[in-house]
Amino acid sequence: MLQVRNINKVYSGRKAFRALTDLSLTIREGEFVGIMGPSGSGKTTLLNVISTIDMPSSGQILINGSNPYKLRKNKLAAFRRQQLGFVFQEFHLIDTLTIGENIILPLTLDGVRVSEMEERLSSIIQKLGIKDIRDNSIFEVSRGQQQRAAIARAIIHRPSLLLADEPTGNLDSKASRRVMETLQHINETDRTTMMMVTHDPIAASYCHRVIFIKDGRLYNEIVQGQNRSAFYQKIINAIALLGGDANEFSTIRV
């Protein structure tokens, strides 16, 4: 579903900086994959080149067999809007719109019929447990509810690939768990392919596998198996080998 082939990313300047080096990975349809690594390892750069926010210096990105970087500007914008979904640490909800209006915004931009928008909205807010806040402003709901609304907005157009960047970074432990359970449920029921950048080993333990990056290169990969608790411990062990510390990887959320 997603193929990253020999990606390099070099930022030019007085002193050039190489953020990614010959990085390759594959994510199959329906997988939920976590990306971890120390600060400055290249995680966000990788997310940005996959999401078409930033162009790689060399290499190839294929999403469902298509290379978005070969599209013209207007078609690339349509591809990004229709094929990709985004969930960020900051929720990026529009404060002049209600929760429901925020969620259907991608459909509004694509000119979807009002009846279909209403049908999709009703279904998704029921699934994510935010039906009762549909008509609230963003100031009237909790941060966890805001993030679930942001997830709803990210998937209402049924993207091929959902990209999440530290989705639990601004949440307490209870809200973080609810958000990760939501993402896991969407992945399992809708078979939505997901890639998540995170520093949080608890969040990463909800993934099918975790890919570790160090100094812009692939470092290690571990697979969940049947036991999430054992997988969490494997993640902690991998972080220790990677050289992470408490400032970069939070093992306890309060």
Protein backbone atom coordinates (compact mmCIF):
# COMPACT_ATOMS: atom_id res chain seq x y z
CA MET A 1 0.00 0.00 0.00
CA LEU A 2 2.84 2.36 0.95
CA GLN A 3 6.32 1.88 -0.46
CA VAL A 4 9.22 4.11 0.52
CA ARG A 5 12.22 3.36 -1.67
CA ASN A 6 15.75 4.62 -0.92
CA ILE A 7 14.60 8.00 0.32
CA ASN A 8 17.21 10.66 1.00
CA LYS A 9 16.49 14.10 2.36
CA VAL A 10 19.17 16.79 2.55
CA TYR A 11 18.43 20.30 3.77
CA SER A 12 20.70 22.83 2.10
CA GLY A 13 22.22 25.85 3.79
CA ARG A 14 25.58 27.12 4.90
CA LYS A 15 26.09 23.62 6.19
CA ALA A 16 23.98 20.92 4.53
CA PHE A 17 22.11 18.59 6.88
CA ARG A 18 21.18 15.03 5.89
CA ALA A 19 17.92 14.10 7.62
CA LEU A 20 17.24 10.76 5.88
CA THR A 21 19.69 8.34 4.26
CA ASP A 22 18.68 5.55 1.85
CA LEU A 23 15.58 4.80 3.90
CA SER A 24 13.19 2.13 2.63
CA LEU A 25 10.08 0.62 4.18
CA THR A 26 6.79 -0.97 3.19
CA ILE A 27 3.41 -0.77 4.91
CA ARG A 28 0.77 -3.23 3.78
CA GLU A 29 -2.90 -2.38 3.42
CA GLY A 30 -4.67 -2.52 6.78
CA GLU A 31 -1.48 -2.32 8.86
CA PHE A 32 -1.03 -0.02 11.85
CA VAL A 33 2.67 0.87 12.01
CA GLY A 34 4.48 3.01 14.58
CA ILE A 35 7.62 5.05 13.90
CA MET A 36 9.91 5.74 16.87
CA GLY A 37 13.36 7.19 17.44
CA PRO A 38 15.22 9.84 19.44
CA SER A 39 14.61 13.53 18.79
CA GLY A 40 16.30 14.51 15.55
CA SER A 41 16.31 10.95 14.21
CA GLY A 42 14.26 11.82 11.11
CA LYS A 43 10.79 10.63 12.15
CA THR A 44 8.96 13.84 11.34
CA THR A 45 10.95 14.32 8.13
CA LEU A 46 9.86 10.84 7.04
CA LEU A 47 6.24 11.67 7.84
CA ASN A 48 6.50 14.93 5.91
CA VAL A 49 7.89 13.35 2.74
CA ILE A 50 5.26 10.59 2.81
CA SER A 51 2.50 13.16 3.33
CA THR A 52 3.87 15.28 0.42
CA ILE A 53 4.40 18.23 2.77
CA ASP A 54 8.13 18.07 2.01
CA MET A 55 9.85 16.72 -1.12
CA PRO A 56 12.59 14.08 -0.81
CA SER A 57 15.99 14.89 -2.29
CA SER A 58 16.00 11.50 -4.01
CA GLY A 59 14.16 8.20 -3.88
CA GLN A 60 10.56 7.24 -4.49
CA ILE A 61 7.27 7.28 -2.56
CA LEU A 62 4.43 5.09 -3.84
CA ILE A 63 0.92 5.19 -2.34
CA ASN A 64 -1.37 2.58 -3.87
CA GLY A 65 1.10 2.37 -6.74
CA SER A 66 1.03 6.11 -7.48
CA ASN A 67 3.91 8.53 -7.02
CA PRO A 68 2.30 11.75 -5.77
CA TYR A 69 5.41 13.76 -6.59
CA LYS A 70 4.78 13.21 -10.29
CA LEU A 71 1.39 14.94 -10.08
CA ARG A 72 0.81 18.54 -11.04
CA LYS A 73 0.19 20.99 -8.22
CA ASN A 74 -3.63 21.00 -8.43
CA LYS A 75 -3.80 17.22 -8.76
CA LEU A 76 -1.35 16.79 -5.87
CA ALA A 77 -3.61 18.91 -3.65
CA ALA A 78 -6.58 16.73 -4.61
CA PHE A 79 -4.55 13.55 -4.01
CA ARG A 80 -3.51 14.74 -0.55
CA ARG A 81 -7.08 15.74 0.34
CA GLN A 82 -8.70 12.53 -0.94
CA GLN A 83 -6.11 9.81 -0.29
CA LEU A 84 -4.51 10.94 2.96
CA GLY A 85 -5.80 11.68 6.44
CA PHE A 86 -3.87 13.62 9.07
CA VAL A 87 -3.97 13.61 12.87
CA PHE A 88 -1.60 15.95 14.70
CA GLN A 89 -0.50 16.64 18.27
CA GLU A 90 -2.25 19.99 17.92
CA PHE A 91 -5.84 19.31 16.92
CA HIS A 92 -6.14 22.13 14.33
CA LEU A 93 -9.91 22.44 14.77
CA ILE A 94 -11.52 25.68 13.61
CA ASP A 95 -12.90 27.52 16.63
CA THR A 96 -15.68 29.28 14.68
CA LEU A 97 -17.20 25.91 13.69
CA THR A 98 -19.02 23.33 15.79
CA ILE A 99 -17.53 19.88 16.33
CA GLY A 100 -19.80 18.45 13.63
CA GLU A 101 -18.95 21.21 11.16
CA ASN A 102 -15.25 20.63 11.75
CA ILE A 103 -15.62 16.91 11.07
CA ILE A 104 -17.43 17.31 7.72
CA LEU A 105 -15.08 20.02 6.45
CA PRO A 106 -13.17 17.66 4.07
CA LEU A 107 -16.47 16.57 2.50
CA THR A 108 -17.57 20.19 2.13
CA LEU A 109 -14.35 20.99 0.26
CA ASP A 110 -14.99 18.06 -2.09
CA GLY A 111 -18.59 19.07 -2.78
CA VAL A 112 -20.19 15.94 -1.33
CA ARG A 113 -24.00 15.95 -1.21
CA VAL A 114 -25.50 17.22 2.06
CA SER A 115 -27.44 13.97 2.57
CA GLU A 116 -24.26 11.91 2.26
CA MET A 117 -22.36 14.24 4.58
CA GLU A 118 -25.08 13.85 7.20
CA GLU A 119 -25.06 10.06 6.83
CA ARG A 120 -21.28 9.83 7.21
CA LEU A 121 -21.21 12.27 10.11
CA SER A 122 -23.91 10.41 12.03
CA SER A 123 -22.08 7.12 11.55
CA ILE A 124 -18.64 8.36 12.53
CA ILE A 125 -19.61 10.34 15.64
CA GLN A 126 -21.51 7.29 16.87
CA LYS A 127 -18.47 5.07 16.27
CA LEU A 128 -16.08 7.45 18.04
CA GLY A 129 -18.37 8.15 21.00
CA ILE A 130 -18.76 11.89 20.37
CA LYS A 131 -22.39 12.00 19.26
CA ASP A 132 -23.42 14.11 22.25
CA ILE A 133 -20.93 16.90 21.45
CA ARG A 134 -21.79 17.26 17.77
CA ASP A 135 -23.25 20.77 18.16
CA ASN A 136 -20.76 22.00 20.76
CA SER A 137 -18.01 24.51 20.09
CA ILE A 138 -14.45 23.29 20.56
CA PHE A 139 -14.19 25.34 23.77
CA GLU A 140 -16.99 23.30 25.35
CA VAL A 141 -15.34 19.88 25.09
CA SER A 142 -12.28 18.19 26.60
CA ARG A 143 -8.93 17.85 24.83
CA GLY A 144 -9.52 14.12 24.42
CA GLN A 145 -12.87 14.81 22.76
CA GLN A 146 -11.21 17.39 20.51
CA GLN A 147 -8.66 14.81 19.39
CA ARG A 148 -11.37 12.25 18.66
CA ALA A 149 -13.15 14.92 16.61
CA ALA A 150 -9.88 15.52 14.75
CA ILE A 151 -9.61 11.78 14.08
CA ALA A 152 -13.19 11.77 12.80
CA ARG A 153 -12.35 14.64 10.44
CA ALA A 154 -9.25 12.75 9.26
CA ILE A 155 -11.15 9.60 8.28
CA ILE A 156 -14.58 10.85 7.21
CA HIS A 157 -13.44 11.00 3.57
CA ARG A 158 -12.20 7.38 3.85
CA PRO A 159 -8.51 7.94 3.11
CA SER A 160 -6.19 5.20 1.90
CA LEU A 161 -3.59 6.16 4.50
CA LEU A 162 -3.96 7.85 7.89
CA LEU A 163 -0.83 9.65 9.11
CA ALA A 164 -0.62 10.54 12.80
CA ASP A 165 2.06 12.74 14.37
CA GLU A 166 2.24 12.39 18.17
CA PRO A 167 -1.58 12.05 18.48
CA THR A 168 -1.40 11.60 22.28
CA GLY A 169 1.28 14.22 22.89
CA ASN A 170 -1.08 16.79 24.46
CA LEU A 171 -3.30 14.37 26.37
CA ASP A 172 -3.35 12.87 29.85
CA SER A 173 -3.13 9.11 30.34
CA LYS A 174 -6.90 8.47 30.30
CA ALA A 175 -7.52 10.54 27.16
CA SER A 176 -4.43 9.01 25.51
CA ARG A 177 -5.74 5.51 26.08
CA ARG A 178 -9.16 6.44 24.68
CA VAL A 179 -7.58 7.98 21.57
CA MET A 180 -5.39 4.94 20.94
CA GLU A 181 -8.33 2.59 21.46
CA THR A 182 -10.22 4.70 18.92
CA LEU A 183 -7.42 4.44 16.36
CA GLN A 184 -7.10 0.71 16.99
CA HIS A 185 -10.85 0.21 16.54
CA ILE A 186 -10.88 2.17 13.26
CA ASN A 187 -7.93 0.13 12.00
CA GLU A 188 -9.59 -3.16 12.90
CA THR A 189 -13.13 -2.41 11.70
CA ASP A 190 -12.47 -0.24 8.64
CA ARG A 191 -9.07 -1.71 7.70
CA THR A 192 -7.68 1.83 7.47
CA THR A 193 -3.92 1.75 6.94
CA MET A 194 -2.15 3.85 9.58
CA MET A 195 1.34 5.18 10.22
CA MET A 196 1.98 6.92 13.53
CA VAL A 197 5.04 8.84 14.71
CA THR A 198 5.25 8.76 18.50
CA HIS A 199 7.61 9.09 21.46
CA ASP A 200 5.13 7.23 23.68
CA PRO A 201 5.82 3.47 24.06
CA ILE A 202 2.32 2.93 25.45
CA ALA A 203 0.79 4.44 22.30
CA ALA A 204 3.22 2.44 20.15
CA SER A 205 2.10 -0.80 21.82
CA TYR A 206 -1.27 -0.48 20.02
CA CYS A 207 0.49 -0.86 16.64
CA HIS A 208 1.01 -4.08 14.70
CA ARG A 209 4.72 -3.31 14.46
CA VAL A 210 7.12 -0.53 15.34
CA ILE A 211 9.96 0.71 13.14
CA PHE A 212 12.85 2.47 14.87
CA ILE A 213 14.89 5.18 13.17
CA LYS A 214 18.26 6.54 14.27
CA ASP A 215 20.30 9.25 12.53
CA GLY A 216 18.01 9.16 9.50
CA ARG A 217 18.40 5.42 8.92
CA LEU A 218 16.32 2.36 9.76
CA TYR A 219 17.65 0.89 12.99
CA ASN A 220 15.33 -1.91 14.09
CA GLU A 221 11.81 -3.29 13.77
CA ILE A 222 9.68 -5.30 16.17
CA VAL A 223 6.29 -6.99 15.69
CA GLN A 224 3.50 -7.13 18.24
CA GLY A 225 2.54 -10.80 18.34
CA GLN A 226 -0.36 -11.85 20.57
CA ASN A 227 0.42 -10.05 23.83
CA ARG A 228 0.38 -6.24 23.97
CA SER A 229 2.02 -6.16 27.40
CA ALA A 230 4.95 -8.22 26.11
CA PHE A 231 5.11 -5.99 23.04
CA TYR A 232 5.28 -2.91 25.26
CA GLN A 233 8.24 -4.41 27.09
CA LYS A 234 9.96 -5.15 23.77
CA ILE A 235 9.48 -1.50 22.82
CA ILE A 236 11.05 -0.38 26.13
CA ASN A 237 14.00 -2.72 25.55
CA ALA A 238 14.45 -1.43 22.00
CA ILE A 239 14.41 2.17 23.26
CA ALA A 240 17.14 1.29 25.77
CA LEU A 241 19.30 -0.17 22.97
CA LEU A 242 18.57 2.87 20.84
CA GLY A 243 19.98 5.14 23.52
CA GLY A 244 16.73 6.87 24.45
CA ASP A 245 16.27 8.48 27.83
CA ALA A 246 13.42 9.81 29.95
CA ASN A 247 13.48 13.16 28.21
CA GLU A 248 12.83 11.62 24.82
CA PHE A 249 10.64 8.61 25.54
CA SER A 250 7.99 8.84 28.22
CA THR A 251 7.18 5.46 29.74
CA ILE A 252 4.74 6.85 32.30
CA ARG A 253 2.09 9.42 31.48
CA VAL A 254 0.52 11.51 34.25
